[in-house]
Every structure is written in structure tokens, then in C-alpha cells.
Amino acid sequence: MSDITLSELGELLLECVGAPEEGMAFEGEGALDTPFLEFGYDSLALLQVTSVINRKYGVVLDDDAVAEAETPRMLLKMVAAAPQAGAVR
């Protein structure tokens, strides 16, 4: 299991696919439940960032599950609950 903060997720998305829509920010409690599409990030962007999460944190995420993560809160919960690469279940 690995914990990634909302701020870290925002930084990873910025590095991978660019800045969110103008006026949008990965800050505060409200951002946790804002759909990724409102930030301007689609499912392809999420797959790109989860690939980086896998490499950087050793977290293994299922692509189909990631595609269903509509908000940062949902993705962060998946990351926290996911096994790390090489971990025994």
C-alpha cells in the first residue's frame, strides 16, 4: 500500500499530461470529488499517470479499474489499497 496526496497526484498529472483546465486546481477538499473531466483529464491521461505511479511508487493498478475512477478521491483510494509490485497477496 502506498499513500499519495492530492497535491502529489496533481503534480504527477501536470508532469504527464499538462496543466488542468484554466481556473482548476488540485487543492482543497472540493477538488477530491471534482470529476477528472472537469479538470480536463480523460481516461487516457489517467492511464498515463498510473503508469508513472507504478514506476515511481511500485503500485500496481488495474487499467479497467482506473478507467472507472471518475474523481481524484476514487483514484487515491485505489492507489492506497493497491498492492505494490512484488508484494505477496
N, C-alpha and C. Protein backbone atom coordinates (compact mmCIF):
# COMPACT_ATOMS: atom_id res chain seq x y z
N MET A 1 0.84 -1.18 0.00
CA MET A 1 0.00 0.00 0.00
C MET A 1 0.88 1.24 0.00
N SER A 2 0.37 2.26 -0.68
CA SER A 2 1.13 3.49 -0.77
C SER A 2 0.16 4.67 -0.70
N ASP A 3 0.54 5.67 0.03
CA ASP A 3 -0.30 6.86 0.12
C ASP A 3 0.29 7.97 -0.75
N ILE A 4 -0.55 8.49 -1.62
CA ILE A 4 -0.20 9.63 -2.46
C ILE A 4 -1.19 10.72 -2.13
N THR A 5 -0.72 11.92 -1.93
CA THR A 5 -1.61 13.03 -1.59
C THR A 5 -2.25 13.61 -2.85
N LEU A 6 -3.28 14.39 -2.65
CA LEU A 6 -3.93 15.09 -3.75
C LEU A 6 -2.94 15.99 -4.47
N SER A 7 -2.11 16.66 -3.71
CA SER A 7 -1.10 17.56 -4.28
C SER A 7 -0.11 16.77 -5.15
N GLU A 8 0.34 15.62 -4.66
CA GLU A 8 1.26 14.79 -5.44
C GLU A 8 0.61 14.29 -6.72
N LEU A 9 -0.67 13.90 -6.63
CA LEU A 9 -1.39 13.47 -7.82
C LEU A 9 -1.46 14.60 -8.83
N GLY A 10 -1.75 15.81 -8.36
CA GLY A 10 -1.78 16.97 -9.25
C GLY A 10 -0.45 17.22 -9.93
N GLU A 11 0.64 17.08 -9.17
CA GLU A 11 1.98 17.26 -9.73
C GLU A 11 2.28 16.21 -10.79
N LEU A 12 1.89 14.96 -10.51
CA LEU A 12 2.12 13.88 -11.48
C LEU A 12 1.33 14.12 -12.76
N LEU A 13 0.08 14.54 -12.63
CA LEU A 13 -0.73 14.83 -13.81
C LEU A 13 -0.12 15.99 -14.61
N LEU A 14 0.35 17.00 -13.92
CA LEU A 14 0.99 18.14 -14.58
C LEU A 14 2.21 17.68 -15.37
N GLU A 15 3.04 16.84 -14.76
CA GLU A 15 4.23 16.31 -15.43
C GLU A 15 3.88 15.44 -16.63
N CYS A 16 2.84 14.62 -16.47
CA CYS A 16 2.49 13.63 -17.51
C CYS A 16 1.72 14.22 -18.67
N VAL A 17 0.72 15.01 -18.37
CA VAL A 17 -0.20 15.44 -19.43
C VAL A 17 -0.48 16.93 -19.46
N GLY A 18 0.12 17.69 -18.58
CA GLY A 18 -0.05 19.13 -18.62
C GLY A 18 -0.99 19.66 -17.55
N ALA A 19 -1.17 20.96 -17.58
CA ALA A 19 -1.95 21.66 -16.57
C ALA A 19 -3.44 21.38 -16.71
N PRO A 20 -4.17 21.46 -15.59
CA PRO A 20 -5.63 21.29 -15.66
C PRO A 20 -6.26 22.50 -16.37
N GLU A 21 -7.56 22.39 -16.61
CA GLU A 21 -8.29 23.50 -17.23
C GLU A 21 -8.04 24.78 -16.45
N GLU A 22 -8.10 25.91 -17.15
CA GLU A 22 -7.88 27.20 -16.52
C GLU A 22 -8.85 27.39 -15.36
N GLY A 23 -8.32 27.85 -14.25
CA GLY A 23 -9.13 28.09 -13.07
C GLY A 23 -9.33 26.86 -12.19
N MET A 24 -8.84 25.71 -12.63
CA MET A 24 -8.98 24.47 -11.85
C MET A 24 -7.65 24.19 -11.15
N ALA A 25 -7.73 23.66 -9.93
CA ALA A 25 -6.52 23.33 -9.19
C ALA A 25 -6.77 22.12 -8.30
N PHE A 26 -5.74 21.35 -8.11
CA PHE A 26 -5.80 20.19 -7.22
C PHE A 26 -5.52 20.65 -5.80
N GLU A 27 -6.44 21.45 -5.26
CA GLU A 27 -6.29 21.99 -3.92
C GLU A 27 -7.62 21.93 -3.19
N GLY A 28 -7.57 21.64 -1.93
CA GLY A 28 -8.76 21.68 -1.09
C GLY A 28 -9.63 20.45 -1.18
N GLU A 29 -10.52 20.35 -0.21
CA GLU A 29 -11.41 19.20 -0.10
C GLU A 29 -12.31 19.06 -1.32
N GLY A 30 -12.77 20.17 -1.88
CA GLY A 30 -13.66 20.12 -3.04
C GLY A 30 -13.03 19.47 -4.26
N ALA A 31 -11.74 19.60 -4.41
CA ALA A 31 -11.05 19.02 -5.57
C ALA A 31 -11.10 17.49 -5.55
N LEU A 32 -11.18 16.91 -4.37
CA LEU A 32 -11.19 15.45 -4.25
C LEU A 32 -12.38 14.82 -4.97
N ASP A 33 -13.51 15.53 -5.01
CA ASP A 33 -14.72 14.98 -5.60
C ASP A 33 -15.10 15.63 -6.92
N THR A 34 -14.20 16.41 -7.47
CA THR A 34 -14.42 17.02 -8.78
C THR A 34 -14.03 16.02 -9.86
N PRO A 35 -14.93 15.75 -10.81
CA PRO A 35 -14.60 14.77 -11.86
C PRO A 35 -13.34 15.18 -12.64
N PHE A 36 -12.54 14.17 -12.98
CA PHE A 36 -11.32 14.43 -13.76
C PHE A 36 -11.64 15.17 -15.06
N LEU A 37 -12.79 14.87 -15.66
CA LEU A 37 -13.15 15.54 -16.91
C LEU A 37 -13.29 17.05 -16.73
N GLU A 38 -13.73 17.51 -15.56
CA GLU A 38 -13.82 18.95 -15.29
C GLU A 38 -12.44 19.58 -15.20
N PHE A 39 -11.46 18.79 -14.80
CA PHE A 39 -10.07 19.27 -14.78
C PHE A 39 -9.47 19.26 -16.19
N GLY A 40 -10.14 18.56 -17.10
CA GLY A 40 -9.64 18.44 -18.47
C GLY A 40 -8.84 17.16 -18.70
N TYR A 41 -8.94 16.21 -17.78
CA TYR A 41 -8.20 14.96 -17.90
C TYR A 41 -9.16 13.82 -18.26
N ASP A 42 -8.84 13.10 -19.33
CA ASP A 42 -9.66 11.97 -19.75
C ASP A 42 -9.03 10.66 -19.27
N SER A 43 -9.65 9.54 -19.67
CA SER A 43 -9.16 8.24 -19.21
C SER A 43 -7.74 7.95 -19.70
N LEU A 44 -7.37 8.45 -20.87
CA LEU A 44 -6.01 8.25 -21.36
C LEU A 44 -5.00 8.96 -20.45
N ALA A 45 -5.34 10.15 -20.00
CA ALA A 45 -4.47 10.89 -19.07
C ALA A 45 -4.29 10.11 -17.78
N LEU A 46 -5.39 9.50 -17.30
CA LEU A 46 -5.29 8.71 -16.07
C LEU A 46 -4.42 7.49 -16.25
N LEU A 47 -4.52 6.84 -17.40
CA LEU A 47 -3.67 5.68 -17.66
C LEU A 47 -2.20 6.09 -17.72
N GLN A 48 -1.93 7.26 -18.29
CA GLN A 48 -0.55 7.74 -18.34
C GLN A 48 -0.02 7.99 -16.93
N VAL A 49 -0.82 8.64 -16.09
CA VAL A 49 -0.34 8.95 -14.74
C VAL A 49 -0.23 7.69 -13.89
N THR A 50 -1.11 6.71 -14.10
CA THR A 50 -0.98 5.49 -13.31
C THR A 50 0.26 4.69 -13.70
N SER A 51 0.69 4.83 -14.94
CA SER A 51 1.93 4.19 -15.36
C SER A 51 3.11 4.80 -14.58
N VAL A 52 3.08 6.10 -14.41
CA VAL A 52 4.13 6.78 -13.65
C VAL A 52 4.04 6.40 -12.17
N ILE A 53 2.82 6.32 -11.64
CA ILE A 53 2.64 5.90 -10.24
C ILE A 53 3.22 4.51 -10.04
N ASN A 54 3.00 3.63 -11.01
CA ASN A 54 3.54 2.27 -10.93
C ASN A 54 5.06 2.31 -10.86
N ARG A 55 5.69 3.08 -11.75
CA ARG A 55 7.15 3.15 -11.78
C ARG A 55 7.72 3.86 -10.55
N LYS A 56 7.09 4.95 -10.14
CA LYS A 56 7.64 5.77 -9.06
C LYS A 56 7.38 5.18 -7.67
N TYR A 57 6.18 4.61 -7.48
CA TYR A 57 5.79 4.13 -6.15
C TYR A 57 5.69 2.62 -6.07
N GLY A 58 5.81 1.93 -7.21
CA GLY A 58 5.71 0.48 -7.22
C GLY A 58 4.30 -0.03 -6.99
N VAL A 59 3.30 0.81 -7.29
CA VAL A 59 1.90 0.46 -7.07
C VAL A 59 1.32 -0.12 -8.36
N VAL A 60 0.67 -1.27 -8.25
CA VAL A 60 0.08 -1.93 -9.40
C VAL A 60 -1.42 -1.64 -9.42
N LEU A 61 -1.88 -0.98 -10.49
CA LEU A 61 -3.29 -0.64 -10.63
C LEU A 61 -3.86 -1.31 -11.87
N ASP A 62 -5.08 -1.80 -11.77
CA ASP A 62 -5.78 -2.42 -12.89
C ASP A 62 -6.29 -1.32 -13.83
N ASP A 63 -5.95 -1.42 -15.12
CA ASP A 63 -6.35 -0.41 -16.10
C ASP A 63 -7.86 -0.22 -16.16
N ASP A 64 -8.62 -1.30 -16.08
CA ASP A 64 -10.08 -1.20 -16.14
C ASP A 64 -10.63 -0.45 -14.93
N ALA A 65 -10.07 -0.71 -13.77
CA ALA A 65 -10.50 -0.02 -12.56
C ALA A 65 -10.15 1.45 -12.63
N VAL A 66 -8.96 1.76 -13.14
CA VAL A 66 -8.53 3.15 -13.26
C VAL A 66 -9.46 3.92 -14.19
N ALA A 67 -9.90 3.28 -15.26
CA ALA A 67 -10.80 3.93 -16.21
C ALA A 67 -12.13 4.30 -15.55
N GLU A 68 -12.49 3.62 -14.47
CA GLU A 68 -13.73 3.91 -13.77
C GLU A 68 -13.56 4.93 -12.65
N ALA A 69 -12.33 5.33 -12.36
CA ALA A 69 -12.08 6.34 -11.32
C ALA A 69 -12.44 7.71 -11.88
N GLU A 70 -13.56 8.23 -11.45
CA GLU A 70 -14.05 9.49 -12.00
C GLU A 70 -13.52 10.72 -11.29
N THR A 71 -13.04 10.54 -10.06
CA THR A 71 -12.57 11.68 -9.28
C THR A 71 -11.21 11.37 -8.65
N PRO A 72 -10.49 12.41 -8.25
CA PRO A 72 -9.22 12.17 -7.55
C PRO A 72 -9.40 11.30 -6.30
N ARG A 73 -10.50 11.49 -5.55
CA ARG A 73 -10.71 10.69 -4.35
C ARG A 73 -10.74 9.20 -4.70
N MET A 74 -11.47 8.86 -5.77
CA MET A 74 -11.58 7.46 -6.18
C MET A 74 -10.22 6.88 -6.57
N LEU A 75 -9.42 7.65 -7.32
CA LEU A 75 -8.11 7.17 -7.73
C LEU A 75 -7.16 7.03 -6.54
N LEU A 76 -7.19 8.01 -5.64
CA LEU A 76 -6.32 7.95 -4.47
C LEU A 76 -6.66 6.76 -3.58
N LYS A 77 -7.95 6.44 -3.47
CA LYS A 77 -8.35 5.26 -2.69
C LYS A 77 -7.82 3.99 -3.35
N MET A 78 -7.88 3.93 -4.68
CA MET A 78 -7.35 2.76 -5.40
C MET A 78 -5.85 2.61 -5.15
N VAL A 79 -5.14 3.73 -5.21
CA VAL A 79 -3.69 3.69 -5.00
C VAL A 79 -3.37 3.22 -3.59
N ALA A 80 -4.12 3.73 -2.60
CA ALA A 80 -3.86 3.36 -1.21
C ALA A 80 -4.14 1.87 -0.96
N ALA A 81 -5.11 1.32 -1.67
CA ALA A 81 -5.49 -0.08 -1.45
C ALA A 81 -4.75 -1.07 -2.34
N ALA A 82 -4.05 -0.56 -3.35
CA ALA A 82 -3.42 -1.43 -4.35
C ALA A 82 -2.15 -2.09 -3.80
N PRO A 83 -1.89 -3.31 -4.28
CA PRO A 83 -0.64 -3.97 -3.87
C PRO A 83 0.55 -3.28 -4.55
N GLN A 84 1.68 -3.37 -3.91
CA GLN A 84 2.90 -2.86 -4.54
C GLN A 84 3.53 -3.96 -5.35
N ALA A 85 4.24 -3.58 -6.39
CA ALA A 85 4.91 -4.56 -7.25
C ALA A 85 5.79 -5.46 -6.40
N GLY A 86 5.68 -6.75 -6.61
CA GLY A 86 6.49 -7.70 -5.87
C GLY A 86 5.90 -8.09 -4.53
N ALA A 87 4.79 -7.42 -4.15
CA ALA A 87 4.16 -7.75 -2.88
C ALA A 87 3.39 -9.06 -3.01
N VAL A 88 3.36 -9.80 -1.94
CA VAL A 88 2.63 -11.06 -1.92
C VAL A 88 1.24 -10.78 -1.37
N ARG A 89 0.22 -11.24 -2.09
CA ARG A 89 -1.17 -11.01 -1.65
C ARG A 89 -1.57 -12.03 -0.63
